[in-house]
C-alpha atoms as a PDB file:
ATOM      1  CA  MET A   1      25.521 -50.928  11.582  1.00  0.00           C
ATOM      2  CA  THR A   2      26.779 -47.517  12.696  1.00  0.00           C
ATOM      3  CA  ARG A   3      24.895 -45.437  15.182  1.00  0.00           C
ATOM      4  CA  SER A   4      23.912 -42.714  12.626  1.00  0.00           C
ATOM      5  CA  ALA A   5      22.662 -45.317  10.146  1.00  0.00           C
ATOM      6  CA  ALA A   6      20.515 -46.892  12.875  1.00  0.00           C
ATOM      7  CA  LEU A   7      19.048 -43.486  13.782  1.00  0.00           C
ATOM      8  CA  THR A   8      18.262 -42.704  10.133  1.00  0.00           C
ATOM      9  CA  ALA A   9      16.601 -46.108   9.685  1.00  0.00           C
ATOM     10  CA  SER A  10      14.470 -45.522  12.812  1.00  0.00           C
ATOM     11  CA  VAL A  11      13.272 -42.134  11.555  1.00  0.00           C
ATOM     12  CA  LEU A  12      12.355 -43.583   8.144  1.00  0.00           C
ATOM     13  CA  ILE A  13      10.409 -46.448   9.750  1.00  0.00           C
ATOM     14  CA  LEU A  14       8.458 -43.995  11.925  1.00  0.00           C
ATOM     15  CA  LEU A  15       7.597 -41.855   8.880  1.00  0.00           C
ATOM     16  CA  LEU A  16       6.428 -44.865   6.889  1.00  0.00           C
ATOM     17  CA  VAL A  17       4.245 -46.114   9.759  1.00  0.00           C
ATOM     18  CA  SER A  18       2.757 -42.631  10.187  1.00  0.00           C
ATOM     19  CA  CYS A  19       1.902 -42.368   6.471  1.00  0.00           C
ATOM     20  CA  ALA A  20       0.451 -45.891   6.373  1.00  0.00           C
ATOM     21  CA  ARG A  21      -1.850 -45.130   9.321  1.00  0.00           C
ATOM     22  CA  GLY A  22      -3.106 -41.939   7.634  1.00  0.00           C
ATOM     23  CA  GLY A  23      -1.202 -39.442   9.759  1.00  0.00           C
ATOM     24  CA  PRO A  24      -2.423 -35.949  10.537  1.00  0.00           C
ATOM     25  CA  TYR A  25      -1.603 -34.552   7.071  1.00  0.00           C
ATOM     26  CA  HIS A  26      -2.887 -37.429   4.935  1.00  0.00           C
ATOM     27  CA  PRO A  27      -5.924 -36.235   2.889  1.00  0.00           C
ATOM     28  CA  SER A  28      -7.887 -39.477   3.152  1.00  0.00           C
ATOM     29  CA  GLY A  29      -6.903 -40.261   6.740  1.00  0.00           C
ATOM     30  CA  PRO A  30      -8.826 -39.618   9.946  1.00  0.00           C
ATOM     31  CA  ALA A  31      -9.506 -36.081  11.145  1.00  0.00           C
ATOM     32  CA  ALA A  32      -6.441 -34.238  12.346  1.00  0.00           C
ATOM     33  CA  ARG A  33      -5.981 -32.528  15.675  1.00  0.00           C
ATOM     34  CA  GLU A  34      -7.462 -29.048  15.999  1.00  0.00           C
ATOM     35  CA  GLY A  35      -5.339 -26.529  14.100  1.00  0.00           C
ATOM     36  CA  HIS A  36      -3.808 -29.104  11.756  1.00  0.00           C
ATOM     37  CA  GLY A  37      -4.903 -30.746   8.547  1.00  0.00           C
ATOM     38  CA  ILE A  38      -6.433 -29.635   5.276  1.00  0.00           C
ATOM     39  CA  LEU A  39      -7.770 -26.094   5.031  1.00  0.00           C
ATOM     40  CA  PRO A  40     -11.360 -25.476   3.892  1.00  0.00           C
ATOM     41  CA  PRO A  41     -11.824 -24.229   0.317  1.00  0.00           C
ATOM     42  CA  PRO A  42     -11.485 -20.428  -0.120  1.00  0.00           C
ATOM     43  CA  GLU A  43     -14.566 -18.238  -0.211  1.00  0.00           C
ATOM     44  CA  THR A  44     -15.720 -17.046  -3.618  1.00  0.00           C
ATOM     45  CA  PRO A  45     -14.572 -13.421  -4.131  1.00  0.00           C
ATOM     46  CA  PRO A  46     -17.272 -10.823  -4.841  1.00  0.00           C
ATOM     47  CA  LEU A  47     -17.953  -9.986  -8.483  1.00  0.00           C
ATOM     48  CA  VAL A  48     -17.555  -6.259  -7.855  1.00  0.00           C
ATOM     49  CA  LEU A  49     -14.658  -5.184  -5.715  1.00  0.00           C
ATOM     50  CA  GLY A  50     -15.622  -2.470  -3.290  1.00  0.00           C
ATOM     51  CA  GLY A  51     -13.612  -0.038  -1.302  1.00  0.00           C
ATOM     52  CA  VAL A  52     -13.378   3.579  -0.407  1.00  0.00           C
ATOM     53  CA  GLN A  53     -12.981   6.022  -3.285  1.00  0.00           C
ATOM     54  CA  PRO A  54      -9.971   8.297  -2.686  1.00  0.00           C
ATOM     55  CA  LYS A  55     -10.841  11.879  -1.808  1.00  0.00           C
ATOM     56  CA  HIS A  56      -9.081  13.245  -4.906  1.00  0.00           C
ATOM     57  CA  ALA A  57      -9.175  10.428  -7.457  1.00  0.00           C
ATOM     58  CA  PHE A  58      -7.788  10.775 -10.982  1.00  0.00           C
ATOM     59  CA  GLU A  59     -10.382  10.625 -13.762  1.00  0.00           C
ATOM     60  CA  ARG A  60      -9.817  10.434 -17.507  1.00  0.00           C
ATOM     61  CA  ASP A  61     -10.564  13.770 -19.121  1.00  0.00           C
ATOM     62  CA  PRO A  62     -11.434  14.554 -22.782  1.00  0.00           C
ATOM     63  CA  SER A  63      -7.792  15.282 -23.660  1.00  0.00           C
ATOM     64  CA  GLY A  64      -6.777  11.666 -22.956  1.00  0.00           C
ATOM     65  CA  ALA A  65      -4.876  12.475 -19.759  1.00  0.00           C
ATOM     66  CA  PHE A  66      -5.959  11.773 -16.194  1.00  0.00           C
ATOM     67  CA  SER A  67      -6.729  14.761 -13.987  1.00  0.00           C
ATOM     68  CA  ARG A  68      -8.018  15.671 -10.558  1.00  0.00           C
ATOM     69  CA  THR A  69      -8.814  18.815  -8.609  1.00  0.00           C
ATOM     70  CA  VAL A  70      -6.800  18.850  -5.402  1.00  0.00           C
ATOM     71  CA  PHE A  71      -7.833  22.176  -3.890  1.00  0.00           C
ATOM     72  CA  VAL A  72     -10.044  25.191  -4.600  1.00  0.00           C
ATOM     73  CA  ALA A  73      -9.515  28.413  -2.624  1.00  0.00           C
ATOM     74  CA  ASN A  74     -12.310  30.273  -0.872  1.00  0.00           C
ATOM     75  CA  ASP A  75     -14.972  31.415  -3.355  1.00  0.00           C
ATOM     76  CA  ASP A  76     -15.559  34.663  -1.419  1.00  0.00           C
ATOM     77  CA  ALA A  77     -12.283  36.232  -2.573  1.00  0.00           C
ATOM     78  CA  ASP A  78     -11.850  38.333  -5.708  1.00  0.00           C
ATOM     79  CA  VAL A  79      -9.326  35.820  -7.003  1.00  0.00           C
ATOM     80  CA  ARG A  80     -10.067  32.106  -7.145  1.00  0.00           C
ATOM     81  CA  ILE A  81      -7.151  29.658  -7.113  1.00  0.00           C
ATOM     82  CA  ALA A  82      -7.612  26.016  -8.042  1.00  0.00           C
ATOM     83  CA  VAL A  83      -4.901  23.367  -7.802  1.00  0.00           C
ATOM     84  CA  ARG A  84      -5.149  20.529 -10.331  1.00  0.00           C
ATOM     85  CA  ASP A  85      -2.958  17.543 -11.123  1.00  0.00           C
ATOM     86  CA  ILE A  86      -2.657  16.102 -14.626  1.00  0.00           C
ATOM     87  CA  THR A  87      -0.889  12.836 -15.382  1.00  0.00           C
ATOM     88  CA  VAL A  88       0.023  11.589 -18.848  1.00  0.00           C
ATOM     89  CA  PRO A  89       0.595   7.820 -19.127  1.00  0.00           C
ATOM     90  CA  PRO A  90       3.909   6.548 -20.522  1.00  0.00           C
ATOM     91  CA  LYS A  91       4.466   6.712 -24.295  1.00  0.00           C
ATOM     92  CA  GLN A  92       1.383   8.871 -24.912  1.00  0.00           C
ATOM     93  CA  GLN A  93       0.518  12.295 -26.218  1.00  0.00           C
ATOM     94  CA  VAL A  94      -2.694  14.059 -25.213  1.00  0.00           C
ATOM     95  CA  ARG A  95      -4.883  16.450 -27.166  1.00  0.00           C
ATOM     96  CA  PRO A  96      -4.287  20.166 -26.495  1.00  0.00           C
ATOM     97  CA  ILE A  97      -5.842  21.567 -23.332  1.00  0.00           C
ATOM     98  CA  THR A  98      -7.021  25.190 -23.383  1.00  0.00           C
ATOM     99  CA  LEU A  99      -7.550  26.733 -19.979  1.00  0.00           C
ATOM    100  CA  PRO A 100      -9.551  29.976 -19.868  1.00  0.00           C
ATOM    101  CA  ASP A 101      -7.448  31.377 -16.999  1.00  0.00           C
ATOM    102  CA  ALA A 102      -3.767  32.010 -16.288  1.00  0.00           C
ATOM    103  CA  VAL A 103      -1.852  28.955 -15.075  1.00  0.00           C
ATOM    104  CA  LEU A 104       1.353  28.331 -13.170  1.00  0.00           C
ATOM    105  CA  PHE A 105       2.582  24.957 -14.412  1.00  0.00           C
ATOM    106  CA  GLU A 106       4.930  22.759 -12.329  1.00  0.00           C
ATOM    107  CA  VAL A 107       6.325  19.292 -13.137  1.00  0.00           C
ATOM    108  CA  HIS A 108       6.024  16.917 -10.156  1.00  0.00           C
ATOM    109  CA  ALA A 109       7.325  13.661 -11.640  1.00  0.00           C
ATOM    110  CA  GLY A 110       8.568  12.215 -14.901  1.00  0.00           C
ATOM    111  CA  ARG A 111       9.856  13.702 -18.124  1.00  0.00           C
ATOM    112  CA  GLY A 112       8.070  14.878 -21.220  1.00  0.00           C
ATOM    113  CA  ALA A 113       7.390  17.853 -23.446  1.00  0.00           C
ATOM    114  CA  ALA A 114       4.869  20.692 -23.562  1.00  0.00           C
ATOM    115  CA  SER A 115       3.913  22.512 -26.711  1.00  0.00           C
ATOM    116  CA  VAL A 116       2.681  26.030 -25.890  1.00  0.00           C
ATOM    117  CA  ALA A 117       1.810  28.509 -28.653  1.00  0.00           C
ATOM    118  CA  GLY A 118       3.884  26.597 -31.210  1.00  0.00           C
ATOM    119  CA  GLN A 119       6.993  26.309 -29.014  1.00  0.00           C
ATOM    120  CA  THR A 120       8.008  22.970 -27.519  1.00  0.00           C
ATOM    121  CA  THR A 121       9.615  22.910 -24.072  1.00  0.00           C
ATOM    122  CA  GLU A 122      11.271  19.903 -22.455  1.00  0.00           C
ATOM    123  CA  LEU A 123       9.716  19.029 -19.101  1.00  0.00           C
ATOM    124  CA  THR A 124      11.779  17.667 -16.234  1.00  0.00           C
ATOM    125  CA  GLU A 125      11.070  17.370 -12.517  1.00  0.00           C
ATOM    126  CA  ALA A 126      10.802  20.662 -10.615  1.00  0.00           C
ATOM    127  CA  LYS A 127      10.502  22.718 -13.825  1.00  0.00           C
ATOM    128  CA  ALA A 128       7.925  25.491 -13.631  1.00  0.00           C
ATOM    129  CA  MET A 129       6.476  27.861 -16.205  1.00  0.00           C
ATOM    130  CA  SER A 130       3.556  30.235 -16.543  1.00  0.00           C
ATOM    131  CA  ILE A 131       0.939  29.992 -19.260  1.00  0.00           C
ATOM    132  CA  PRO A 132      -1.266  32.957 -20.207  1.00  0.00           C
ATOM    133  CA  ALA A 133      -5.053  32.656 -20.220  1.00  0.00           C
ATOM    134  CA  GLY A 134      -6.590  31.090 -23.315  1.00  0.00           C
ATOM    135  CA  THR A 135      -3.386  29.407 -24.529  1.00  0.00           C
ATOM    136  CA  ALA A 136      -3.532  25.792 -25.735  1.00  0.00           C
ATOM    137  CA  VAL A 137      -1.079  23.351 -24.129  1.00  0.00           C
ATOM    138  CA  ALA A 138      -0.284  19.914 -25.601  1.00  0.00           C
ATOM    139  CA  LEU A 139       1.548  17.460 -23.341  1.00  0.00           C
ATOM    140  CA  SER A 140       3.505  14.432 -24.515  1.00  0.00           C
ATOM    141  CA  ASN A 141       5.321  11.721 -22.615  1.00  0.00           C
ATOM    142  CA  ALA A 142       7.899   9.613 -24.482  1.00  0.00           C
ATOM    143  CA  SER A 143       9.358   8.027 -21.315  1.00  0.00           C
ATOM    144  CA  ASP A 144       8.515   4.768 -19.544  1.00  0.00           C
ATOM    145  CA  GLN A 145       7.140   6.571 -16.453  1.00  0.00           C
ATOM    146  CA  ALA A 146       4.063   8.703 -15.991  1.00  0.00           C
ATOM    147  CA  LEU A 147       4.408  12.464 -16.381  1.00  0.00           C
ATOM    148  CA  VAL A 148       2.697  14.316 -13.518  1.00  0.00           C
ATOM    149  CA  VAL A 149       2.197  18.083 -13.635  1.00  0.00           C
ATOM    150  CA  ARG A 150       0.488  20.386 -11.171  1.00  0.00           C
ATOM    151  CA  LEU A 151      -1.494  23.381 -12.398  1.00  0.00           C
ATOM    152  CA  TYR A 152      -2.196  26.402 -10.226  1.00  0.00           C
ATOM    153  CA  VAL A 153      -5.160  27.987 -12.046  1.00  0.00           C
ATOM    154  CA  ILE A 154      -5.625  31.668 -11.159  1.00  0.00           C
ATOM    155  CA  GLU A 155      -9.014  33.107 -11.991  1.00  0.00           C
ATOM    156  CA  ALA A 156      -9.974  36.738 -11.438  1.00  0.00           C
ATOM    157  CA  LYS A 157     -13.677  37.034 -10.642  1.00  0.00           C
ATOM    158  CA  ARG A 158     -15.527  39.352 -12.945  1.00  0.00           C
END
């Protein structure tokens, strides 16, 4: 017998003897050394997952889009500026949104279309446009990625 065949045979014999004696990894064998062996069953996960709510979380609004208010300027000024984000899920169109104040509209991510006063405009990243007060805006997203727009709402205090 060659030397490598003898070595291989020795290793196989040691493995067989270890398994027959119920070695450290055998489920029905004696207890293993500390840090080795079968793990205990996992803990049951909680029924309600908790966590910290993000400071500016998106919420579904009546139009069918998701929106959040990111920032509102000081209420003591004569002009109030609010920054809002709106996201339209892929392959969806939302009901028209009518904002009572003037809006600067900026596309942050994705592609889509905006229908303002009967005119449709293609939306691409970094595109900006202004929308007069009281004008209805309908957003649509035909792409496979979410459309995210940022609105700078400018309100003159009366």
